[in-house]
Amino acid sequence: MRATMVDNQFETILEPEDDETDVVWVDGRGELESVLAKVEAALVTLRAGTSTVPLRSEGNDRREISLEELQHIVKDIVATEVLAAGARRVLLVPPDLTRLHSRAGEITGFLYEGLAASGVDVAVLPALGTHSALTADEAALLFDKRVPFTRILQHRWREGVTRLGEITAAEVLALSEGRMADPIPVESSDILLSGWTSLCPSVRSSLTR
């Protein structure tokens, strides 16, 4: 993202209307850790269901979390959050290879290992958007060879979706304040609707063609 885009972001930002109460204001000046703490504290004041406080907050912009430390953090989350909740089936939805730098692939790999070792039925559905499906080599790179390719579901965004409904033109017109008036289809991957645990070779071949 070019630095010049920052000015554009502030130029086009829309301040909340008077009836939009699920908004908190935080002064962004000061040390990063202090600002982050204020943001997290403010988020918990929002009404139930709107809080987005992270499950775990570790590190800062001056410290890189080592691979061993990351593995320990994920292992603790698996034990204290996922398994403790009684999870039996888990679908992990990480970014695809275009977000390799985010380390989401490493996190997903550790999550998969921890869950699978505990007997959880776990699969991975990369959030491809409109990108190409992952190859076996790309998956090995993204997940550091921790996720078997047979447990990776491939979303076919062109034809592998089911239409659930649409956001009407009138709704789009109102939400965009007149900027757009085209209806927007609401679709879901067929994988989610048909049962993603069916990963036998015959089914996988039909999912990934």
C-alpha atoms as a PDB file:
ATOM      1  CA  MET A   1       0.000   0.000   0.000  1.00  0.00           C
ATOM      2  CA  ARG A   2       1.559   3.284  -1.115  1.00  0.00           C
ATOM      3  CA  ALA A   3       2.007   5.994   1.498  1.00  0.00           C
ATOM      4  CA  THR A   4      -0.015   8.393  -0.670  1.00  0.00           C
ATOM      5  CA  MET A   5      -3.076   6.230  -0.099  1.00  0.00           C
ATOM      6  CA  VAL A   6      -3.119   7.181   3.575  1.00  0.00           C
ATOM      7  CA  ASP A   7      -4.204  10.742   2.730  1.00  0.00           C
ATOM      8  CA  ASN A   8      -6.967   9.353   0.537  1.00  0.00           C
ATOM      9  CA  GLN A   9      -8.199   7.147   3.376  1.00  0.00           C
ATOM     10  CA  PHE A  10      -8.610  10.164   5.647  1.00  0.00           C
ATOM     11  CA  GLU A  11     -10.222  12.224   2.885  1.00  0.00           C
ATOM     12  CA  THR A  12     -12.926   9.632   2.243  1.00  0.00           C
ATOM     13  CA  ILE A  13     -13.499   8.428   5.803  1.00  0.00           C
ATOM     14  CA  LEU A  14     -17.104   8.724   6.944  1.00  0.00           C
ATOM     15  CA  GLU A  15     -17.719   9.753  10.530  1.00  0.00           C
ATOM     16  CA  PRO A  16     -20.462   7.806  12.331  1.00  0.00           C
ATOM     17  CA  GLU A  17     -24.001   9.117  12.289  1.00  0.00           C
ATOM     18  CA  ASP A  18     -25.711  10.130  15.536  1.00  0.00           C
ATOM     19  CA  ASP A  19     -27.698   6.870  15.635  1.00  0.00           C
ATOM     20  CA  GLU A  20     -24.613   4.682  15.218  1.00  0.00           C
ATOM     21  CA  THR A  21     -23.828   3.850  18.822  1.00  0.00           C
ATOM     22  CA  ASP A  22     -21.450   0.911  18.278  1.00  0.00           C
ATOM     23  CA  VAL A  23     -18.486   3.231  17.850  1.00  0.00           C
ATOM     24  CA  VAL A  24     -15.646   4.065  20.213  1.00  0.00           C
ATOM     25  CA  TRP A  25     -13.095   6.835  19.890  1.00  0.00           C
ATOM     26  CA  VAL A  26      -9.428   6.286  20.725  1.00  0.00           C
ATOM     27  CA  ASP A  27      -6.630   8.844  20.494  1.00  0.00           C
ATOM     28  CA  GLY A  28      -4.078   7.319  18.114  1.00  0.00           C
ATOM     29  CA  ARG A  29      -1.179   9.415  19.366  1.00  0.00           C
ATOM     30  CA  GLY A  30       1.384   7.889  21.670  1.00  0.00           C
ATOM     31  CA  GLU A  31       3.233   4.595  21.961  1.00  0.00           C
ATOM     32  CA  LEU A  32       1.799   1.743  19.893  1.00  0.00           C
ATOM     33  CA  GLU A  33       1.361  -0.594  22.883  1.00  0.00           C
ATOM     34  CA  SER A  34      -0.517   2.103  24.794  1.00  0.00           C
ATOM     35  CA  VAL A  35      -2.842   2.828  21.860  1.00  0.00           C
ATOM     36  CA  LEU A  36      -3.489  -0.893  21.336  1.00  0.00           C
ATOM     37  CA  ALA A  37      -4.367  -1.341  25.011  1.00  0.00           C
ATOM     38  CA  LYS A  38      -6.850   1.549  24.784  1.00  0.00           C
ATOM     39  CA  VAL A  39      -8.444   0.060  21.673  1.00  0.00           C
ATOM     40  CA  GLU A  40      -8.880  -3.368  23.260  1.00  0.00           C
ATOM     41  CA  ALA A  41     -10.325  -1.829  26.419  1.00  0.00           C
ATOM     42  CA  ALA A  42     -12.735   0.292  24.370  1.00  0.00           C
ATOM     43  CA  LEU A  43     -13.926  -2.631  22.253  1.00  0.00           C
ATOM     44  CA  VAL A  44     -15.275  -4.526  25.243  1.00  0.00           C
ATOM     45  CA  THR A  45     -17.611  -1.607  25.977  1.00  0.00           C
ATOM     46  CA  LEU A  46     -19.595  -2.226  22.790  1.00  0.00           C
ATOM     47  CA  ARG A  47     -22.923  -4.013  23.045  1.00  0.00           C
ATOM     48  CA  ALA A  48     -22.970  -7.810  23.174  1.00  0.00           C
ATOM     49  CA  GLY A  49     -22.103  -9.413  19.856  1.00  0.00           C
ATOM     50  CA  THR A  50     -20.092  -6.501  18.478  1.00  0.00           C
ATOM     51  CA  SER A  51     -16.871  -6.861  20.456  1.00  0.00           C
ATOM     52  CA  THR A  52     -13.853  -7.859  18.365  1.00  0.00           C
ATOM     53  CA  VAL A  53     -11.203  -8.191  21.039  1.00  0.00           C
ATOM     54  CA  PRO A  54      -8.617 -10.712  19.772  1.00  0.00           C
ATOM     55  CA  LEU A  55      -8.473 -14.155  21.328  1.00  0.00           C
ATOM     56  CA  ARG A  56      -4.790 -13.633  22.018  1.00  0.00           C
ATOM     57  CA  SER A  57      -2.535 -10.597  21.674  1.00  0.00           C
ATOM     58  CA  GLU A  58       1.197 -11.243  21.579  1.00  0.00           C
ATOM     59  CA  GLY A  59       4.268  -9.265  20.558  1.00  0.00           C
ATOM     60  CA  ASN A  60       4.613  -5.792  19.071  1.00  0.00           C
ATOM     61  CA  ASP A  61       6.146  -4.030  16.074  1.00  0.00           C
ATOM     62  CA  ARG A  62       9.646  -4.366  17.542  1.00  0.00           C
ATOM     63  CA  ARG A  63       9.677  -8.084  18.324  1.00  0.00           C
ATOM     64  CA  GLU A  64       9.252 -11.023  15.976  1.00  0.00           C
ATOM     65  CA  ILE A  65       7.592 -14.087  17.483  1.00  0.00           C
ATOM     66  CA  SER A  66       9.825 -17.110  16.918  1.00  0.00           C
ATOM     67  CA  LEU A  67       8.499 -20.280  15.330  1.00  0.00           C
ATOM     68  CA  GLU A  68       8.865 -22.144  18.634  1.00  0.00           C
ATOM     69  CA  GLU A  69       7.009 -19.410  20.526  1.00  0.00           C
ATOM     70  CA  LEU A  70       4.253 -19.372  17.903  1.00  0.00           C
ATOM     71  CA  GLN A  71       3.864 -23.134  18.203  1.00  0.00           C
ATOM     72  CA  HIS A  72       3.551 -22.842  21.984  1.00  0.00           C
ATOM     73  CA  ILE A  73       0.917 -20.077  21.683  1.00  0.00           C
ATOM     74  CA  VAL A  74      -1.173 -22.080  19.200  1.00  0.00           C
ATOM     75  CA  LYS A  75      -0.857 -25.241  21.288  1.00  0.00           C
ATOM     76  CA  ASP A  76      -2.193 -23.358  24.292  1.00  0.00           C
ATOM     77  CA  ILE A  77      -5.119 -21.957  22.268  1.00  0.00           C
ATOM     78  CA  VAL A  78      -5.999 -25.440  21.003  1.00  0.00           C
ATOM     79  CA  ALA A  79      -6.075 -26.804  24.551  1.00  0.00           C
ATOM     80  CA  THR A  80      -7.709 -23.921  26.412  1.00  0.00           C
ATOM     81  CA  GLU A  81     -10.113 -22.607  23.782  1.00  0.00           C
ATOM     82  CA  VAL A  82     -10.930 -25.211  21.128  1.00  0.00           C
ATOM     83  CA  LEU A  83     -10.698 -28.576  22.867  1.00  0.00           C
ATOM     84  CA  ALA A  84     -12.054 -27.143  26.106  1.00  0.00           C
ATOM     85  CA  ALA A  85     -15.177 -26.126  24.179  1.00  0.00           C
ATOM     86  CA  GLY A  86     -15.690 -29.747  23.116  1.00  0.00           C
ATOM     87  CA  ALA A  87     -14.988 -29.221  19.416  1.00  0.00           C
ATOM     88  CA  ARG A  88     -15.172 -32.381  17.307  1.00  0.00           C
ATOM     89  CA  ARG A  89     -15.134 -30.939  13.792  1.00  0.00           C
ATOM     90  CA  VAL A  90     -13.146 -27.849  12.838  1.00  0.00           C
ATOM     91  CA  LEU A  91     -12.819 -26.147   9.478  1.00  0.00           C
ATOM     92  CA  LEU A  92      -9.818 -23.822   9.285  1.00  0.00           C
ATOM     93  CA  VAL A  93     -10.166 -20.968   6.764  1.00  0.00           C
ATOM     94  CA  PRO A  94      -6.790 -19.218   6.334  1.00  0.00           C
ATOM     95  CA  PRO A  95      -5.700 -16.762   3.616  1.00  0.00           C
ATOM     96  CA  ASP A  96      -4.137 -18.279   0.505  1.00  0.00           C
ATOM     97  CA  LEU A  97      -0.540 -18.110  -0.747  1.00  0.00           C
ATOM     98  CA  THR A  98      -0.806 -14.402  -1.599  1.00  0.00           C
ATOM     99  CA  ARG A  99      -0.691 -13.748   2.175  1.00  0.00           C
ATOM    100  CA  LEU A 100       2.332 -15.943   2.844  1.00  0.00           C
ATOM    101  CA  HIS A 101       4.019 -13.067   4.695  1.00  0.00           C
ATOM    102  CA  SER A 102       1.204 -12.954   7.274  1.00  0.00           C
ATOM    103  CA  ARG A 103       2.330 -16.231   8.899  1.00  0.00           C
ATOM    104  CA  ALA A 104      -1.273 -17.403   8.794  1.00  0.00           C
ATOM    105  CA  GLY A 105      -0.006 -20.538   7.072  1.00  0.00           C
ATOM    106  CA  GLU A 106       2.288 -21.351   9.991  1.00  0.00           C
ATOM    107  CA  ILE A 107      -0.537 -20.762  12.456  1.00  0.00           C
ATOM    108  CA  THR A 108      -2.862 -22.980  10.415  1.00  0.00           C
ATOM    109  CA  GLY A 109      -0.266 -25.733  10.295  1.00  0.00           C
ATOM    110  CA  PHE A 110       0.163 -25.728  14.058  1.00  0.00           C
ATOM    111  CA  LEU A 111      -3.608 -25.622  14.561  1.00  0.00           C
ATOM    112  CA  TYR A 112      -4.061 -28.587  12.243  1.00  0.00           C
ATOM    113  CA  GLU A 113      -1.387 -30.651  13.985  1.00  0.00           C
ATOM    114  CA  GLY A 114      -2.732 -29.922  17.451  1.00  0.00           C
ATOM    115  CA  LEU A 115      -6.356 -30.616  16.552  1.00  0.00           C
ATOM    116  CA  ALA A 116      -5.688 -33.734  14.481  1.00  0.00           C
ATOM    117  CA  ALA A 117      -3.474 -35.192  17.203  1.00  0.00           C
ATOM    118  CA  SER A 118      -6.385 -34.790  19.630  1.00  0.00           C
ATOM    119  CA  GLY A 119      -8.777 -36.724  17.392  1.00  0.00           C
ATOM    120  CA  VAL A 120     -10.616 -33.715  15.968  1.00  0.00           C
ATOM    121  CA  ASP A 121     -11.964 -34.034  12.418  1.00  0.00           C
ATOM    122  CA  VAL A 122     -10.199 -31.052  10.853  1.00  0.00           C
ATOM    123  CA  ALA A 123      -9.923 -29.768   7.296  1.00  0.00           C
ATOM    124  CA  VAL A 124      -8.551 -26.610   5.700  1.00  0.00           C
ATOM    125  CA  LEU A 125     -10.372 -24.381   3.206  1.00  0.00           C
ATOM    126  CA  PRO A 126      -8.026 -21.651   1.900  1.00  0.00           C
ATOM    127  CA  ALA A 127      -9.829 -18.346   1.331  1.00  0.00           C
ATOM    128  CA  LEU A 128      -8.932 -18.066  -2.327  1.00  0.00           C
ATOM    129  CA  GLY A 129     -11.258 -15.258  -3.293  1.00  0.00           C
ATOM    130  CA  THR A 130     -10.915 -15.385  -7.067  1.00  0.00           C
ATOM    131  CA  HIS A 131      -7.323 -16.675  -7.009  1.00  0.00           C
ATOM    132  CA  SER A 132      -6.206 -20.002  -8.450  1.00  0.00           C
ATOM    133  CA  ALA A 133      -6.473 -23.143  -6.323  1.00  0.00           C
ATOM    134  CA  LEU A 134      -3.399 -24.175  -4.370  1.00  0.00           C
ATOM    135  CA  THR A 135      -1.120 -26.786  -5.874  1.00  0.00           C
ATOM    136  CA  ALA A 136       0.471 -29.427  -3.657  1.00  0.00           C
ATOM    137  CA  ASP A 137       3.796 -27.554  -3.717  1.00  0.00           C
ATOM    138  CA  GLU A 138       2.128 -24.242  -2.858  1.00  0.00           C
ATOM    139  CA  ALA A 139       0.231 -25.836   0.008  1.00  0.00           C
ATOM    140  CA  ALA A 140       3.441 -27.379   1.341  1.00  0.00           C
ATOM    141  CA  LEU A 141       5.092 -23.943   1.253  1.00  0.00           C
ATOM    142  CA  LEU A 142       2.166 -22.112   2.832  1.00  0.00           C
ATOM    143  CA  PHE A 143       1.544 -24.600   5.643  1.00  0.00           C
ATOM    144  CA  ASP A 144       5.184 -25.643   6.080  1.00  0.00           C
ATOM    145  CA  LYS A 145       4.248 -29.254   5.170  1.00  0.00           C
ATOM    146  CA  ARG A 146       2.136 -29.587   8.307  1.00  0.00           C
ATOM    147  CA  VAL A 147      -1.207 -30.044   6.546  1.00  0.00           C
ATOM    148  CA  PRO A 148      -1.676 -33.123   4.306  1.00  0.00           C
ATOM    149  CA  PHE A 149      -2.830 -32.089   0.843  1.00  0.00           C
ATOM    150  CA  THR A 150      -5.682 -34.597   1.134  1.00  0.00           C
ATOM    151  CA  ARG A 151      -7.127 -32.477   3.954  1.00  0.00           C
ATOM    152  CA  ILE A 152      -7.178 -29.260   1.927  1.00  0.00           C
ATOM    153  CA  LEU A 153     -10.470 -28.315   0.294  1.00  0.00           C
ATOM    154  CA  GLN A 154     -10.387 -26.232  -2.866  1.00  0.00           C
ATOM    155  CA  HIS A 155     -13.067 -23.598  -3.297  1.00  0.00           C
ATOM    156  CA  ARG A 156     -14.291 -23.417  -6.905  1.00  0.00           C
ATOM    157  CA  TRP A 157     -15.523 -19.843  -6.987  1.00  0.00           C
ATOM    158  CA  ARG A 158     -16.689 -19.904 -10.625  1.00  0.00           C
ATOM    159  CA  GLU A 159     -19.079 -22.847 -10.534  1.00  0.00           C
ATOM    160  CA  GLY A 160     -18.798 -24.423  -7.086  1.00  0.00           C
ATOM    161  CA  VAL A 161     -21.187 -22.102  -5.290  1.00  0.00           C
ATOM    162  CA  THR A 162     -24.889 -22.096  -4.443  1.00  0.00           C
ATOM    163  CA  ARG A 163     -26.919 -18.912  -4.570  1.00  0.00           C
ATOM    164  CA  LEU A 164     -28.666 -18.308  -1.243  1.00  0.00           C
ATOM    165  CA  GLY A 165     -30.334 -15.037  -2.131  1.00  0.00           C
ATOM    166  CA  GLU A 166     -29.379 -11.478  -2.927  1.00  0.00           C
ATOM    167  CA  ILE A 167     -29.084  -8.012  -1.509  1.00  0.00           C
ATOM    168  CA  THR A 168     -31.662  -6.142  -3.552  1.00  0.00           C
ATOM    169  CA  ALA A 169     -30.903  -3.123  -5.689  1.00  0.00           C
ATOM    170  CA  ALA A 170     -32.974  -0.990  -3.326  1.00  0.00           C
ATOM    171  CA  GLU A 171     -30.951  -2.161  -0.324  1.00  0.00           C
ATOM    172  CA  VAL A 172     -27.656  -1.555  -2.130  1.00  0.00           C
ATOM    173  CA  LEU A 173     -28.840   1.889  -3.169  1.00  0.00           C
ATOM    174  CA  ALA A 174     -29.712   2.767   0.422  1.00  0.00           C
ATOM    175  CA  LEU A 175     -26.547   1.289   1.950  1.00  0.00           C
ATOM    176  CA  SER A 176     -24.265   2.972  -0.594  1.00  0.00           C
ATOM    177  CA  GLU A 177     -26.097   6.285  -0.247  1.00  0.00           C
ATOM    178  CA  GLY A 178     -26.876   6.309  -3.959  1.00  0.00           C
ATOM    179  CA  ARG A 179     -23.415   5.332  -5.168  1.00  0.00           C
ATOM    180  CA  MET A 180     -24.468   1.911  -6.453  1.00  0.00           C
ATOM    181  CA  ALA A 181     -27.798   0.372  -7.428  1.00  0.00           C
ATOM    182  CA  ASP A 182     -26.964  -3.134  -8.636  1.00  0.00           C
ATOM    183  CA  PRO A 183     -28.224  -6.197  -6.724  1.00  0.00           C
ATOM    184  CA  ILE A 184     -25.484  -8.278  -5.064  1.00  0.00           C
ATOM    185  CA  PRO A 185     -25.838 -12.089  -5.031  1.00  0.00           C
ATOM    186  CA  VAL A 186     -25.251 -13.922  -1.742  1.00  0.00           C
ATOM    187  CA  GLU A 187     -23.509 -17.234  -2.407  1.00  0.00           C
ATOM    188  CA  SER A 188     -21.909 -20.022  -0.387  1.00  0.00           C
ATOM    189  CA  SER A 189     -19.317 -22.594  -1.347  1.00  0.00           C
ATOM    190  CA  ASP A 190     -20.887 -25.961  -2.160  1.00  0.00           C
ATOM    191  CA  ILE A 191     -18.246 -27.504   0.082  1.00  0.00           C
ATOM    192  CA  LEU A 192     -19.846 -25.959   3.152  1.00  0.00           C
ATOM    193  CA  LEU A 193     -23.326 -26.999   2.088  1.00  0.00           C
ATOM    194  CA  SER A 194     -22.523 -30.587   1.120  1.00  0.00           C
ATOM    195  CA  GLY A 195     -20.438 -31.654   4.128  1.00  0.00           C
ATOM    196  CA  TRP A 196     -16.737 -30.830   4.016  1.00  0.00           C
ATOM    197  CA  THR A 197     -15.611 -33.928   5.918  1.00  0.00           C
ATOM    198  CA  SER A 198     -16.228 -36.187   2.889  1.00  0.00           C
ATOM    199  CA  LEU A 199     -12.686 -36.310   1.621  1.00  0.00           C
ATOM    200  CA  CYS A 200     -12.425 -39.731   0.012  1.00  0.00           C
ATOM    201  CA  PRO A 201     -10.501 -39.702  -3.336  1.00  0.00           C
ATOM    202  CA  SER A 202     -13.631 -39.904  -5.482  1.00  0.00           C
ATOM    203  CA  VAL A 203     -15.202 -36.919  -3.751  1.00  0.00           C
ATOM    204  CA  ARG A 204     -11.977 -34.925  -3.745  1.00  0.00           C
ATOM    205  CA  SER A 205     -11.586 -35.398  -7.485  1.00  0.00           C
ATOM    206  CA  SER A 206     -15.018 -33.908  -8.045  1.00  0.00           C
ATOM    207  CA  LEU A 207     -14.264 -30.997  -5.699  1.00  0.00           C
ATOM    208  CA  THR A 208     -10.946 -30.036  -7.279  1.00  0.00           C
ATOM    209  CA  ARG A 209     -11.529 -30.526 -11.013  1.00  0.00           C
END
